[in-house]
């Protein structure tokens, strides 16, 4: 390995330590339903601010993030400027790329919906509306896939009355959406109907042969986290392939077992908790984690700080809610 690749691998270990720290701190630091409630409120509130910045950017093209200046810090490059697709603004808000923003917003949508059901007031549904709109306004396939996977988990886990409500709202949105947001839904639909003519899809599938050959050279432990440097080799818009190259079959399996454990813990709370709000919280965390895990197939997720940090945060939330539920299952009055 060259000095550049060694430095990248060292940076990967530091990043991994930070990500695991986020998961452990969340899993062990949230010790009551009140703590979990505050964490979810802060997450949804922060996502709502980012979403509102993005919605404003969609309609005006204004980069509000450019006005944000944190004392002592300076930007390493330009960010926040809207891109375009089919004459639409692809919002970026405070993220590095529309795909990153779309995935983060789509992954936060189940938690925002949970807040709406929990608080049962009209204003409590505004975060879900803003976050959902922002995820669409990124005009990203990844965002749609993440949102769809998360919503499937929610709908499968919801009681019958909530499923019926969702089935009523979907056609209403299908009618109102094109009127309020002309061109947006059609453009998103075209992203999936024209897959056969999309050069980005062809570029992704052309990587499979090369990756297979390289993985077979170091199949078990790979080259080291972050040692696949796009500037040296090539960009792979698939985090699963990157994991196989960097940490091998053992490392990739370990990661997905960890993510799967977070999903299972949330589902167990959904099945065992006596309080409906607690059950919905567990289901929502699992849905968010399933959704964001799907993005690992559609882009290099760990290369984007917001998605990487949010992934491990959701894993930690899965551990936290299971521990809290086991400890305090008979205290519905302190529910989230």
C-alpha atoms as a PDB file:
ATOM      1  CA  UNK A   1       0.000   0.000   0.000  1.00  0.00           C
ATOM      2  CA  UNK A   2       1.157   3.508  -0.773  1.00  0.00           C
ATOM      3  CA  UNK A   3       1.341   6.255   1.843  1.00  0.00           C
ATOM      4  CA  UNK A   4      -1.918   7.694   0.486  1.00  0.00           C
ATOM      5  CA  UNK A   5      -3.792   4.406   0.895  1.00  0.00           C
ATOM      6  CA  UNK A   6      -2.297   3.801   4.339  1.00  0.00           C
ATOM      7  CA  UNK A   7      -3.395   7.254   5.450  1.00  0.00           C
ATOM      8  CA  UNK A   8      -6.881   6.587   4.095  1.00  0.00           C
ATOM      9  CA  UNK A   9      -7.071   3.287   6.002  1.00  0.00           C
ATOM     10  CA  UNK A  10      -5.966   5.029   9.220  1.00  0.00           C
ATOM     11  CA  UNK A  11      -8.680   7.622   8.675  1.00  0.00           C
ATOM     12  CA  UNK A  12     -11.141   4.772   8.183  1.00  0.00           C
ATOM     13  CA  UNK A  13     -10.297   3.347  11.612  1.00  0.00           C
ATOM     14  CA  UNK A  14     -10.859   6.747  13.202  1.00  0.00           C
ATOM     15  CA  UNK A  15     -14.171   7.116  11.396  1.00  0.00           C
ATOM     16  CA  UNK A  16     -15.232   3.630  12.491  1.00  0.00           C
ATOM     17  CA  UNK A  17     -14.374   4.439  16.101  1.00  0.00           C
ATOM     18  CA  UNK A  18     -16.518   7.574  15.872  1.00  0.00           C
ATOM     19  CA  UNK A  19     -19.469   5.741  14.298  1.00  0.00           C
ATOM     20  CA  UNK A  20     -19.350   2.904  16.827  1.00  0.00           C
ATOM     21  CA  UNK A  21     -19.093   5.519  19.573  1.00  0.00           C
ATOM     22  CA  UNK A  22     -22.321   7.110  18.332  1.00  0.00           C
ATOM     23  CA  UNK A  23     -24.098   3.747  18.440  1.00  0.00           C
ATOM     24  CA  UNK A  24     -22.798   2.812  21.899  1.00  0.00           C
ATOM     25  CA  UNK A  25     -23.466   6.231  23.414  1.00  0.00           C
ATOM     26  CA  UNK A  26     -27.008   6.180  22.076  1.00  0.00           C
ATOM     27  CA  UNK A  27     -27.693   2.590  23.168  1.00  0.00           C
ATOM     28  CA  UNK A  28     -26.337   3.055  26.693  1.00  0.00           C
ATOM     29  CA  UNK A  29     -26.931   6.768  27.237  1.00  0.00           C
ATOM     30  CA  UNK A  30     -30.714   6.744  26.718  1.00  0.00           C
ATOM     31  CA  UNK A  31     -32.037   5.045  29.848  1.00  0.00           C
ATOM     32  CA  UNK A  32     -35.715   5.981  30.007  1.00  0.00           C
ATOM     33  CA  UNK A  33     -38.681   6.627  27.756  1.00  0.00           C
ATOM     34  CA  UNK A  34     -38.238  10.309  28.518  1.00  0.00           C
ATOM     35  CA  UNK A  35     -34.636  10.222  27.254  1.00  0.00           C
ATOM     36  CA  UNK A  36     -35.722   8.428  24.097  1.00  0.00           C
ATOM     37  CA  UNK A  37     -38.532  10.910  23.620  1.00  0.00           C
ATOM     38  CA  UNK A  38     -36.091  13.832  23.800  1.00  0.00           C
ATOM     39  CA  UNK A  39     -33.693  12.166  21.368  1.00  0.00           C
ATOM     40  CA  UNK A  40     -36.439  11.519  18.819  1.00  0.00           C
ATOM     41  CA  UNK A  41     -37.762  15.074  19.232  1.00  0.00           C
ATOM     42  CA  UNK A  42     -34.303  16.539  18.609  1.00  0.00           C
ATOM     43  CA  UNK A  43     -33.731  14.288  15.613  1.00  0.00           C
ATOM     44  CA  UNK A  44     -37.060  15.105  14.016  1.00  0.00           C
ATOM     45  CA  UNK A  45     -36.731  18.790  14.863  1.00  0.00           C
ATOM     46  CA  UNK A  46     -33.253  19.024  13.325  1.00  0.00           C
ATOM     47  CA  UNK A  47     -34.401  17.121  10.234  1.00  0.00           C
ATOM     48  CA  UNK A  48     -37.343  19.505   9.919  1.00  0.00           C
ATOM     49  CA  UNK A  49     -35.047  22.538   9.894  1.00  0.00           C
ATOM     50  CA  UNK A  50     -32.905  20.938   7.182  1.00  0.00           C
ATOM     51  CA  UNK A  51     -36.042  20.018   5.245  1.00  0.00           C
ATOM     52  CA  UNK A  52     -37.466  23.562   5.411  1.00  0.00           C
ATOM     53  CA  UNK A  53     -34.159  24.956   4.150  1.00  0.00           C
ATOM     54  CA  UNK A  54     -34.405  22.496   1.264  1.00  0.00           C
ATOM     55  CA  UNK A  55     -38.040  23.310   0.443  1.00  0.00           C
ATOM     56  CA  UNK A  56     -37.166  27.015   0.269  1.00  0.00           C
ATOM     57  CA  UNK A  57     -34.247  26.134  -1.986  1.00  0.00           C
ATOM     58  CA  UNK A  58     -36.512  24.118  -4.293  1.00  0.00           C
ATOM     59  CA  UNK A  59     -38.866  27.029  -4.954  1.00  0.00           C
ATOM     60  CA  UNK A  60     -36.311  29.890  -4.916  1.00  0.00           C
ATOM     61  CA  UNK A  61     -32.921  28.363  -5.704  1.00  0.00           C
ATOM     62  CA  UNK A  62     -31.576  30.234  -2.668  1.00  0.00           C
ATOM     63  CA  UNK A  63     -28.694  28.573  -0.808  1.00  0.00           C
ATOM     64  CA  UNK A  64     -29.490  29.422   2.817  1.00  0.00           C
ATOM     65  CA  UNK A  65     -26.659  27.204   4.056  1.00  0.00           C
ATOM     66  CA  UNK A  66     -24.226  29.678   2.488  1.00  0.00           C
ATOM     67  CA  UNK A  67     -25.207  32.192   5.165  1.00  0.00           C
ATOM     68  CA  UNK A  68     -24.296  29.806   7.985  1.00  0.00           C
ATOM     69  CA  UNK A  69     -20.902  30.578   9.495  1.00  0.00           C
ATOM     70  CA  UNK A  70     -19.584  28.618  12.487  1.00  0.00           C
ATOM     71  CA  UNK A  71     -16.789  30.469  14.361  1.00  0.00           C
ATOM     72  CA  UNK A  72     -13.471  28.658  14.133  1.00  0.00           C
ATOM     73  CA  UNK A  73     -14.504  26.471  11.199  1.00  0.00           C
ATOM     74  CA  UNK A  74     -14.176  26.951   7.469  1.00  0.00           C
ATOM     75  CA  UNK A  75     -15.644  25.023   4.551  1.00  0.00           C
ATOM     76  CA  UNK A  76     -13.257  22.727   2.683  1.00  0.00           C
ATOM     77  CA  UNK A  77     -15.276  23.143  -0.492  1.00  0.00           C
ATOM     78  CA  UNK A  78     -18.492  24.497  -1.904  1.00  0.00           C
ATOM     79  CA  UNK A  79     -21.707  22.913  -0.687  1.00  0.00           C
ATOM     80  CA  UNK A  80     -25.387  23.691  -0.450  1.00  0.00           C
ATOM     81  CA  UNK A  81     -25.929  24.873  -4.012  1.00  0.00           C
ATOM     82  CA  UNK A  82     -28.929  23.330  -5.776  1.00  0.00           C
ATOM     83  CA  UNK A  83     -28.300  21.072  -8.762  1.00  0.00           C
ATOM     84  CA  UNK A  84     -30.811  20.557 -11.551  1.00  0.00           C
ATOM     85  CA  UNK A  85     -32.624  17.658 -13.199  1.00  0.00           C
ATOM     86  CA  UNK A  86     -35.287  18.147 -15.879  1.00  0.00           C
ATOM     87  CA  UNK A  87     -35.440  21.889 -15.108  1.00  0.00           C
ATOM     88  CA  UNK A  88     -36.145  21.157 -11.442  1.00  0.00           C
ATOM     89  CA  UNK A  89     -33.999  22.257  -8.526  1.00  0.00           C
ATOM     90  CA  UNK A  90     -32.445  19.194  -6.874  1.00  0.00           C
ATOM     91  CA  UNK A  91     -32.166  20.494  -3.352  1.00  0.00           C
ATOM     92  CA  UNK A  92     -29.042  19.985  -1.270  1.00  0.00           C
ATOM     93  CA  UNK A  93     -29.876  22.057   1.839  1.00  0.00           C
ATOM     94  CA  UNK A  94     -27.031  21.480   4.343  1.00  0.00           C
ATOM     95  CA  UNK A  95     -25.870  18.184   2.817  1.00  0.00           C
ATOM     96  CA  UNK A  96     -23.010  17.434   0.446  1.00  0.00           C
ATOM     97  CA  UNK A  97     -25.214  16.062  -2.345  1.00  0.00           C
ATOM     98  CA  UNK A  98     -28.922  15.683  -3.185  1.00  0.00           C
ATOM     99  CA  UNK A  99     -28.677  11.902  -2.770  1.00  0.00           C
ATOM    100  CA  UNK A 100     -27.309  12.272   0.753  1.00  0.00           C
ATOM    101  CA  UNK A 101     -30.072  14.702   1.673  1.00  0.00           C
ATOM    102  CA  UNK A 102     -32.758  12.519   0.107  1.00  0.00           C
ATOM    103  CA  UNK A 103     -31.607   9.379   1.916  1.00  0.00           C
ATOM    104  CA  UNK A 104     -31.329  11.186   5.266  1.00  0.00           C
ATOM    105  CA  UNK A 105     -34.791  12.756   4.908  1.00  0.00           C
ATOM    106  CA  UNK A 106     -36.407   9.497   3.769  1.00  0.00           C
ATOM    107  CA  UNK A 107     -34.828   7.620   6.675  1.00  0.00           C
ATOM    108  CA  UNK A 108     -36.144  10.219   9.135  1.00  0.00           C
ATOM    109  CA  UNK A 109     -39.696  10.051   7.752  1.00  0.00           C
ATOM    110  CA  UNK A 110     -40.875   7.093   9.935  1.00  0.00           C
ATOM    111  CA  UNK A 111     -39.732   8.880  13.101  1.00  0.00           C
ATOM    112  CA  UNK A 112     -41.502  12.070  11.986  1.00  0.00           C
ATOM    113  CA  UNK A 113     -44.673  10.064  11.358  1.00  0.00           C
ATOM    114  CA  UNK A 114     -44.285   8.530  14.817  1.00  0.00           C
ATOM    115  CA  UNK A 115     -44.172  12.016  16.350  1.00  0.00           C
ATOM    116  CA  UNK A 116     -47.378  12.878  14.496  1.00  0.00           C
ATOM    117  CA  UNK A 117     -49.201   9.812  15.807  1.00  0.00           C
ATOM    118  CA  UNK A 118     -47.789  10.294  19.297  1.00  0.00           C
ATOM    119  CA  UNK A 119     -48.726  13.946  19.766  1.00  0.00           C
ATOM    120  CA  UNK A 120     -52.011  13.760  17.815  1.00  0.00           C
ATOM    121  CA  UNK A 121     -52.125  17.464  16.930  1.00  0.00           C
ATOM    122  CA  UNK A 122     -52.154  19.180  13.535  1.00  0.00           C
ATOM    123  CA  UNK A 123     -48.791  20.980  14.089  1.00  0.00           C
ATOM    124  CA  UNK A 124     -47.134  17.683  15.045  1.00  0.00           C
ATOM    125  CA  UNK A 125     -47.661  16.470  11.455  1.00  0.00           C
ATOM    126  CA  UNK A 126     -45.826  19.414   9.895  1.00  0.00           C
ATOM    127  CA  UNK A 127     -42.364  17.805  10.360  1.00  0.00           C
ATOM    128  CA  UNK A 128     -43.495  14.676   8.492  1.00  0.00           C
ATOM    129  CA  UNK A 129     -44.891  16.847   5.694  1.00  0.00           C
ATOM    130  CA  UNK A 130     -41.698  18.934   5.395  1.00  0.00           C
ATOM    131  CA  UNK A 131     -39.383  15.920   5.583  1.00  0.00           C
ATOM    132  CA  UNK A 132     -41.433  13.965   3.054  1.00  0.00           C
ATOM    133  CA  UNK A 133     -41.486  16.889   0.618  1.00  0.00           C
ATOM    134  CA  UNK A 134     -37.740  17.447   0.994  1.00  0.00           C
ATOM    135  CA  UNK A 135     -36.979  13.805   0.242  1.00  0.00           C
ATOM    136  CA  UNK A 136     -38.974  14.063  -3.020  1.00  0.00           C
ATOM    137  CA  UNK A 137     -37.436  17.415  -3.945  1.00  0.00           C
ATOM    138  CA  UNK A 138     -33.966  15.875  -4.076  1.00  0.00           C
ATOM    139  CA  UNK A 139     -35.230  14.069  -7.227  1.00  0.00           C
ATOM    140  CA  UNK A 140     -33.293  10.994  -6.168  1.00  0.00           C
ATOM    141  CA  UNK A 141     -33.983   7.327  -6.834  1.00  0.00           C
ATOM    142  CA  UNK A 142     -32.186   6.429  -3.614  1.00  0.00           C
ATOM    143  CA  UNK A 143     -34.537   8.620  -1.586  1.00  0.00           C
ATOM    144  CA  UNK A 144     -37.605   6.978  -3.139  1.00  0.00           C
ATOM    145  CA  UNK A 145     -36.220   3.481  -2.494  1.00  0.00           C
ATOM    146  CA  UNK A 146     -35.374   4.307   1.135  1.00  0.00           C
ATOM    147  CA  UNK A 147     -38.802   5.868   1.741  1.00  0.00           C
ATOM    148  CA  UNK A 148     -40.596   2.961   0.054  1.00  0.00           C
ATOM    149  CA  UNK A 149     -38.723   0.336   2.091  1.00  0.00           C
ATOM    150  CA  UNK A 150     -39.372   2.223   5.319  1.00  0.00           C
ATOM    151  CA  UNK A 151     -43.075   2.680   4.543  1.00  0.00           C
ATOM    152  CA  UNK A 152     -43.475  -1.029   3.723  1.00  0.00           C
ATOM    153  CA  UNK A 153     -42.130  -1.893   7.184  1.00  0.00           C
ATOM    154  CA  UNK A 154     -44.463   0.647   8.786  1.00  0.00           C
ATOM    155  CA  UNK A 155     -47.556  -0.494   6.911  1.00  0.00           C
ATOM    156  CA  UNK A 156     -46.866  -4.167   7.647  1.00  0.00           C
ATOM    157  CA  UNK A 157     -46.465  -3.369  11.335  1.00  0.00           C
ATOM    158  CA  UNK A 158     -49.351  -0.916  11.725  1.00  0.00           C
ATOM    159  CA  UNK A 159     -52.754  -1.975  13.023  1.00  0.00           C
ATOM    160  CA  UNK A 160     -55.577  -2.196  10.490  1.00  0.00           C
ATOM    161  CA  UNK A 161     -56.950   1.303  11.131  1.00  0.00           C
ATOM    162  CA  UNK A 162     -53.606   2.939  10.319  1.00  0.00           C
ATOM    163  CA  UNK A 163     -53.218   0.850   7.176  1.00  0.00           C
ATOM    164  CA  UNK A 164     -56.648   1.984   6.001  1.00  0.00           C
ATOM    165  CA  UNK A 165     -55.687   5.611   6.712  1.00  0.00           C
ATOM    166  CA  UNK A 166     -52.508   5.200   4.658  1.00  0.00           C
ATOM    167  CA  UNK A 167     -54.413   3.636   1.757  1.00  0.00           C
ATOM    168  CA  UNK A 168     -56.787   6.620   1.788  1.00  0.00           C
ATOM    169  CA  UNK A 169     -54.006   9.206   1.837  1.00  0.00           C
ATOM    170  CA  UNK A 170     -51.943   7.694  -1.012  1.00  0.00           C
ATOM    171  CA  UNK A 171     -54.473   8.359  -3.820  1.00  0.00           C
ATOM    172  CA  UNK A 172     -55.191  11.817  -2.388  1.00  0.00           C
ATOM    173  CA  UNK A 173     -51.503  12.662  -2.623  1.00  0.00           C
ATOM    174  CA  UNK A 174     -51.434  11.225  -6.137  1.00  0.00           C
ATOM    175  CA  UNK A 175     -54.095  13.744  -7.173  1.00  0.00           C
ATOM    176  CA  UNK A 176     -52.936  16.785  -5.189  1.00  0.00           C
ATOM    177  CA  UNK A 177     -49.187  16.267  -5.668  1.00  0.00           C
ATOM    178  CA  UNK A 178     -48.993  17.023  -9.419  1.00  0.00           C
ATOM    179  CA  UNK A 179     -51.036  20.196  -8.881  1.00  0.00           C
ATOM    180  CA  UNK A 180     -48.949  21.561  -6.007  1.00  0.00           C
ATOM    181  CA  UNK A 181     -45.606  20.334  -7.372  1.00  0.00           C
ATOM    182  CA  UNK A 182     -45.925  20.317 -11.168  1.00  0.00           C
ATOM    183  CA  UNK A 183     -43.350  18.158 -12.924  1.00  0.00           C
ATOM    184  CA  UNK A 184     -41.793  16.701  -9.790  1.00  0.00           C
ATOM    185  CA  UNK A 185     -43.680  13.407  -9.542  1.00  0.00           C
ATOM    186  CA  UNK A 186     -43.445  12.864 -13.288  1.00  0.00           C
ATOM    187  CA  UNK A 187     -39.691  13.355 -13.221  1.00  0.00           C
ATOM    188  CA  UNK A 188     -39.323  10.920 -10.321  1.00  0.00           C
ATOM    189  CA  UNK A 189     -41.477   8.363 -12.141  1.00  0.00           C
ATOM    190  CA  UNK A 190     -39.272   8.729 -15.222  1.00  0.00           C
ATOM    191  CA  UNK A 191     -36.198   7.876 -13.130  1.00  0.00           C
ATOM    192  CA  UNK A 192     -37.598   4.360 -12.728  1.00  0.00           C
ATOM    193  CA  UNK A 193     -39.361   3.869 -16.066  1.00  0.00           C
ATOM    194  CA  UNK A 194     -36.218   4.774 -18.044  1.00  0.00           C
ATOM    195  CA  UNK A 195     -33.760   2.581 -16.134  1.00  0.00           C
ATOM    196  CA  UNK A 196     -32.715   0.799 -19.311  1.00  0.00           C
ATOM    197  CA  UNK A 197     -31.526   4.052 -20.879  1.00  0.00           C
ATOM    198  CA  UNK A 198     -29.873   5.532 -17.798  1.00  0.00           C
ATOM    199  CA  UNK A 199     -26.059   5.721 -18.092  1.00  0.00           C
ATOM    200  CA  UNK A 200     -25.710   5.899 -14.293  1.00  0.00           C
ATOM    201  CA  UNK A 201     -27.326   2.452 -13.999  1.00  0.00           C
ATOM    202  CA  UNK A 202     -25.054   1.082 -16.713  1.00  0.00           C
ATOM    203  CA  UNK A 203     -22.049   2.524 -14.891  1.00  0.00           C
ATOM    204  CA  UNK A 204     -23.059   0.820 -11.661  1.00  0.00           C
ATOM    205  CA  UNK A 205     -23.602  -2.604 -13.209  1.00  0.00           C
ATOM    206  CA  UNK A 206     -20.319  -2.411 -15.114  1.00  0.00           C
ATOM    207  CA  UNK A 207     -18.486  -2.417 -11.768  1.00  0.00           C
ATOM    208  CA  UNK A 208     -19.588  -5.948 -10.838  1.00  0.00           C
ATOM    209  CA  UNK A 209     -16.977  -7.850 -12.823  1.00  0.00           C
ATOM    210  CA  UNK A 210     -14.048  -5.772 -11.542  1.00  0.00           C
ATOM    211  CA  UNK A 211     -15.246  -5.883  -7.936  1.00  0.00           C
ATOM    212  CA  UNK A 212     -15.740  -9.654  -8.045  1.00  0.00           C
ATOM    213  CA  UNK A 213     -12.180 -10.174  -9.250  1.00  0.00           C
ATOM    214  CA  UNK A 214     -10.703  -7.850  -6.621  1.00  0.00           C
ATOM    215  CA  UNK A 215     -12.771  -9.281  -3.770  1.00  0.00           C
ATOM    216  CA  UNK A 216     -11.564 -12.785  -4.633  1.00  0.00           C
ATOM    217  CA  UNK A 217      -7.979 -11.552  -4.166  1.00  0.00           C
ATOM    218  CA  UNK A 218      -8.663 -10.620  -0.510  1.00  0.00           C
ATOM    219  CA  UNK A 219     -12.026 -12.208   0.257  1.00  0.00           C
ATOM    220  CA  UNK A 220     -12.166 -12.335   4.055  1.00  0.00           C
ATOM    221  CA  UNK A 221     -10.837  -9.051   5.489  1.00  0.00           C
ATOM    222  CA  UNK A 222     -10.371  -6.819   2.448  1.00  0.00           C
ATOM    223  CA  UNK A 223      -7.971  -3.940   1.977  1.00  0.00           C
ATOM    224  CA  UNK A 224      -8.919  -1.859   5.018  1.00  0.00           C
ATOM    225  CA  UNK A 225     -11.774   0.554   5.668  1.00  0.00           C
ATOM    226  CA  UNK A 226     -11.511   3.626   3.386  1.00  0.00           C
ATOM    227  CA  UNK A 227      -8.556   2.019   1.569  1.00  0.00           C
ATOM    228  CA  UNK A 228     -10.557   1.984  -1.653  1.00  0.00           C
ATOM    229  CA  UNK A 229      -9.796   5.583  -2.623  1.00  0.00           C
ATOM    230  CA  UNK A 230     -11.954   6.773  -5.551  1.00  0.00           C
ATOM    231  CA  UNK A 231      -9.303   9.243  -6.715  1.00  0.00           C
ATOM    232  CA  UNK A 232      -6.840   6.369  -7.065  1.00  0.00           C
ATOM    233  CA  UNK A 233      -9.179   3.682  -8.383  1.00  0.00           C
ATOM    234  CA  UNK A 234     -12.757   4.567  -9.369  1.00  0.00           C
ATOM    235  CA  UNK A 235     -15.986   5.642  -7.703  1.00  0.00           C
ATOM    236  CA  UNK A 236     -18.317   2.801  -6.774  1.00  0.00           C
ATOM    237  CA  UNK A 237     -21.901   3.969  -6.190  1.00  0.00           C
ATOM    238  CA  UNK A 238     -22.657   0.915  -4.099  1.00  0.00           C
ATOM    239  CA  UNK A 239     -21.616   0.720  -0.438  1.00  0.00           C
ATOM    240  CA  UNK A 240     -22.071  -3.051  -0.302  1.00  0.00           C
ATOM    241  CA  UNK A 241     -19.424  -3.453  -2.992  1.00  0.00           C
ATOM    242  CA  UNK A 242     -17.160  -0.996  -1.189  1.00  0.00           C
ATOM    243  CA  UNK A 243     -17.553  -2.925   2.076  1.00  0.00           C
ATOM    244  CA  UNK A 244     -16.643  -6.183   0.343  1.00  0.00           C
ATOM    245  CA  UNK A 245     -13.518  -4.569  -1.063  1.00  0.00           C
ATOM    246  CA  UNK A 246     -12.493  -2.751   2.118  1.00  0.00           C
ATOM    247  CA  UNK A 247     -13.443  -5.102   4.972  1.00  0.00           C
ATOM    248  CA  UNK A 248     -14.149  -8.323   3.096  1.00  0.00           C
ATOM    249  CA  UNK A 249     -16.869 -10.875   3.664  1.00  0.00           C
ATOM    250  CA  UNK A 250     -16.243 -10.938   7.420  1.00  0.00           C
ATOM    251  CA  UNK A 251     -16.484  -7.173   7.858  1.00  0.00           C
ATOM    252  CA  UNK A 252     -19.493  -6.753   5.566  1.00  0.00           C
ATOM    253  CA  UNK A 253     -21.316  -9.580   7.348  1.00  0.00           C
ATOM    254  CA  UNK A 254     -20.486  -8.057  10.739  1.00  0.00           C
ATOM    255  CA  UNK A 255     -21.902  -4.694   9.683  1.00  0.00           C
ATOM    256  CA  UNK A 256     -25.178  -6.088   8.404  1.00  0.00           C
ATOM    257  CA  UNK A 257     -25.549  -8.302  11.484  1.00  0.00           C
ATOM    258  CA  UNK A 258     -25.170  -5.156  13.594  1.00  0.00           C
ATOM    259  CA  UNK A 259     -27.734  -3.255  11.505  1.00  0.00           C
ATOM    260  CA  UNK A 260     -30.029  -6.283  11.512  1.00  0.00           C
ATOM    261  CA  UNK A 261     -29.789  -6.481  15.292  1.00  0.00           C
ATOM    262  CA  UNK A 262     -31.048  -2.900  15.511  1.00  0.00           C
ATOM    263  CA  UNK A 263     -33.985  -3.760  13.258  1.00  0.00           C
ATOM    264  CA  UNK A 264     -34.846  -6.897  15.261  1.00  0.00           C
ATOM    265  CA  UNK A 265     -34.688  -5.012  18.569  1.00  0.00           C
ATOM    266  CA  UNK A 266     -37.180  -2.440  17.340  1.00  0.00           C
ATOM    267  CA  UNK A 267     -39.482  -5.186  16.024  1.00  0.00           C
ATOM    268  CA  UNK A 268     -39.318  -7.011  19.366  1.00  0.00           C
ATOM    269  CA  UNK A 269     -40.493  -3.854  21.121  1.00  0.00           C
ATOM    270  CA  UNK A 270     -43.298  -3.615  18.551  1.00  0.00           C
ATOM    271  CA  UNK A 271     -44.381  -7.177  19.363  1.00  0.00           C
ATOM    272  CA  UNK A 272     -43.942  -7.175  23.140  1.00  0.00           C
ATOM    273  CA  UNK A 273     -44.630  -3.668  24.452  1.00  0.00           C
ATOM    274  CA  UNK A 274     -48.060  -3.122  26.022  1.00  0.00           C
ATOM    275  CA  UNK A 275     -48.367   0.572  25.162  1.00  0.00           C
ATOM    276  CA  UNK A 276     -49.308   1.517  21.598  1.00  0.00           C
ATOM    277  CA  UNK A 277     -46.979   4.526  21.488  1.00  0.00           C
ATOM    278  CA  UNK A 278     -44.046   2.399  22.629  1.00  0.00           C
ATOM    279  CA  UNK A 279     -44.864  -0.222  20.009  1.00  0.00           C
ATOM    280  CA  UNK A 280     -45.013   2.418  17.291  1.00  0.00           C
ATOM    281  CA  UNK A 281     -41.679   3.878  18.412  1.00  0.00           C
ATOM    282  CA  UNK A 282     -39.992   0.485  18.050  1.00  0.00           C
ATOM    283  CA  UNK A 283     -41.580  -0.070  14.644  1.00  0.00           C
ATOM    284  CA  UNK A 284     -40.554   3.389  13.437  1.00  0.00           C
ATOM    285  CA  UNK A 285     -36.922   2.912  14.457  1.00  0.00           C
ATOM    286  CA  UNK A 286     -36.833  -0.431  12.635  1.00  0.00           C
ATOM    287  CA  UNK A 287     -38.437   1.121   9.543  1.00  0.00           C
ATOM    288  CA  UNK A 288     -35.897   3.953   9.483  1.00  0.00           C
ATOM    289  CA  UNK A 289     -33.009   1.510   9.832  1.00  0.00           C
ATOM    290  CA  UNK A 290     -34.335  -0.807   7.102  1.00  0.00           C
ATOM    291  CA  UNK A 291     -34.761   2.186   4.811  1.00  0.00           C
ATOM    292  CA  UNK A 292     -31.305   3.647   5.323  1.00  0.00           C
ATOM    293  CA  UNK A 293     -29.738   0.183   4.964  1.00  0.00           C
ATOM    294  CA  UNK A 294     -31.310  -0.070   1.504  1.00  0.00           C
ATOM    295  CA  UNK A 295     -29.309   2.995   0.467  1.00  0.00           C
ATOM    296  CA  UNK A 296     -26.128   0.939   0.843  1.00  0.00           C
ATOM    297  CA  UNK A 297     -27.045  -0.723  -2.448  1.00  0.00           C
ATOM    298  CA  UNK A 298     -27.802   2.520  -4.297  1.00  0.00           C
ATOM    299  CA  UNK A 299     -24.839   4.754  -3.393  1.00  0.00           C
ATOM    300  CA  UNK A 300     -21.622   4.850  -1.365  1.00  0.00           C
ATOM    301  CA  UNK A 301     -23.429   5.706   1.868  1.00  0.00           C
ATOM    302  CA  UNK A 302     -20.483   5.670   4.297  1.00  0.00           C
ATOM    303  CA  UNK A 303     -18.705   8.214   2.125  1.00  0.00           C
ATOM    304  CA  UNK A 304     -21.297  10.795   3.193  1.00  0.00           C
ATOM    305  CA  UNK A 305     -21.072  11.965   6.796  1.00  0.00           C
ATOM    306  CA  UNK A 306     -24.755  12.597   7.449  1.00  0.00           C
ATOM    307  CA  UNK A 307     -25.899   9.198   6.225  1.00  0.00           C
ATOM    308  CA  UNK A 308     -23.030   7.375   7.948  1.00  0.00           C
ATOM    309  CA  UNK A 309     -23.656   9.056  11.298  1.00  0.00           C
ATOM    310  CA  UNK A 310     -27.421   8.624  11.044  1.00  0.00           C
ATOM    311  CA  UNK A 311     -27.037   4.908  10.272  1.00  0.00           C
ATOM    312  CA  UNK A 312     -25.119   4.244  13.472  1.00  0.00           C
ATOM    313  CA  UNK A 313     -27.393   6.546  15.449  1.00  0.00           C
ATOM    314  CA  UNK A 314     -30.397   4.483  14.354  1.00  0.00           C
ATOM    315  CA  UNK A 315     -28.553   1.285  15.312  1.00  0.00           C
ATOM    316  CA  UNK A 316     -28.019   2.812  18.750  1.00  0.00           C
ATOM    317  CA  UNK A 317     -31.689   3.784  19.011  1.00  0.00           C
ATOM    318  CA  UNK A 318     -32.629   0.169  18.320  1.00  0.00           C
ATOM    319  CA  UNK A 319     -30.462  -0.980  21.204  1.00  0.00           C
ATOM    320  CA  UNK A 320     -31.728   1.779  23.478  1.00  0.00           C
ATOM    321  CA  UNK A 321     -35.441   1.153  22.975  1.00  0.00           C
ATOM    322  CA  UNK A 322     -35.035  -2.587  23.556  1.00  0.00           C
ATOM    323  CA  UNK A 323     -33.106  -2.000  26.801  1.00  0.00           C
ATOM    324  CA  UNK A 324     -35.627   0.594  27.992  1.00  0.00           C
ATOM    325  CA  UNK A 325     -38.544  -1.669  27.108  1.00  0.00           C
ATOM    326  CA  UNK A 326     -37.027  -4.614  28.975  1.00  0.00           C
ATOM    327  CA  UNK A 327     -36.345  -2.440  32.014  1.00  0.00           C
ATOM    328  CA  UNK A 328     -39.577  -0.489  32.143  1.00  0.00           C
ATOM    329  CA  UNK A 329     -42.152  -2.451  30.146  1.00  0.00           C
ATOM    330  CA  UNK A 330     -44.835  -1.853  32.750  1.00  0.00           C
ATOM    331  CA  UNK A 331     -44.583   1.974  32.759  1.00  0.00           C
ATOM    332  CA  UNK A 332     -46.814   3.131  29.864  1.00  0.00           C
ATOM    333  CA  UNK A 333     -47.343   6.536  31.482  1.00  0.00           C
ATOM    334  CA  UNK A 334     -43.736   7.405  30.667  1.00  0.00           C
ATOM    335  CA  UNK A 335     -44.078   6.342  27.046  1.00  0.00           C
ATOM    336  CA  UNK A 336     -42.440   8.155  24.168  1.00  0.00           C
END
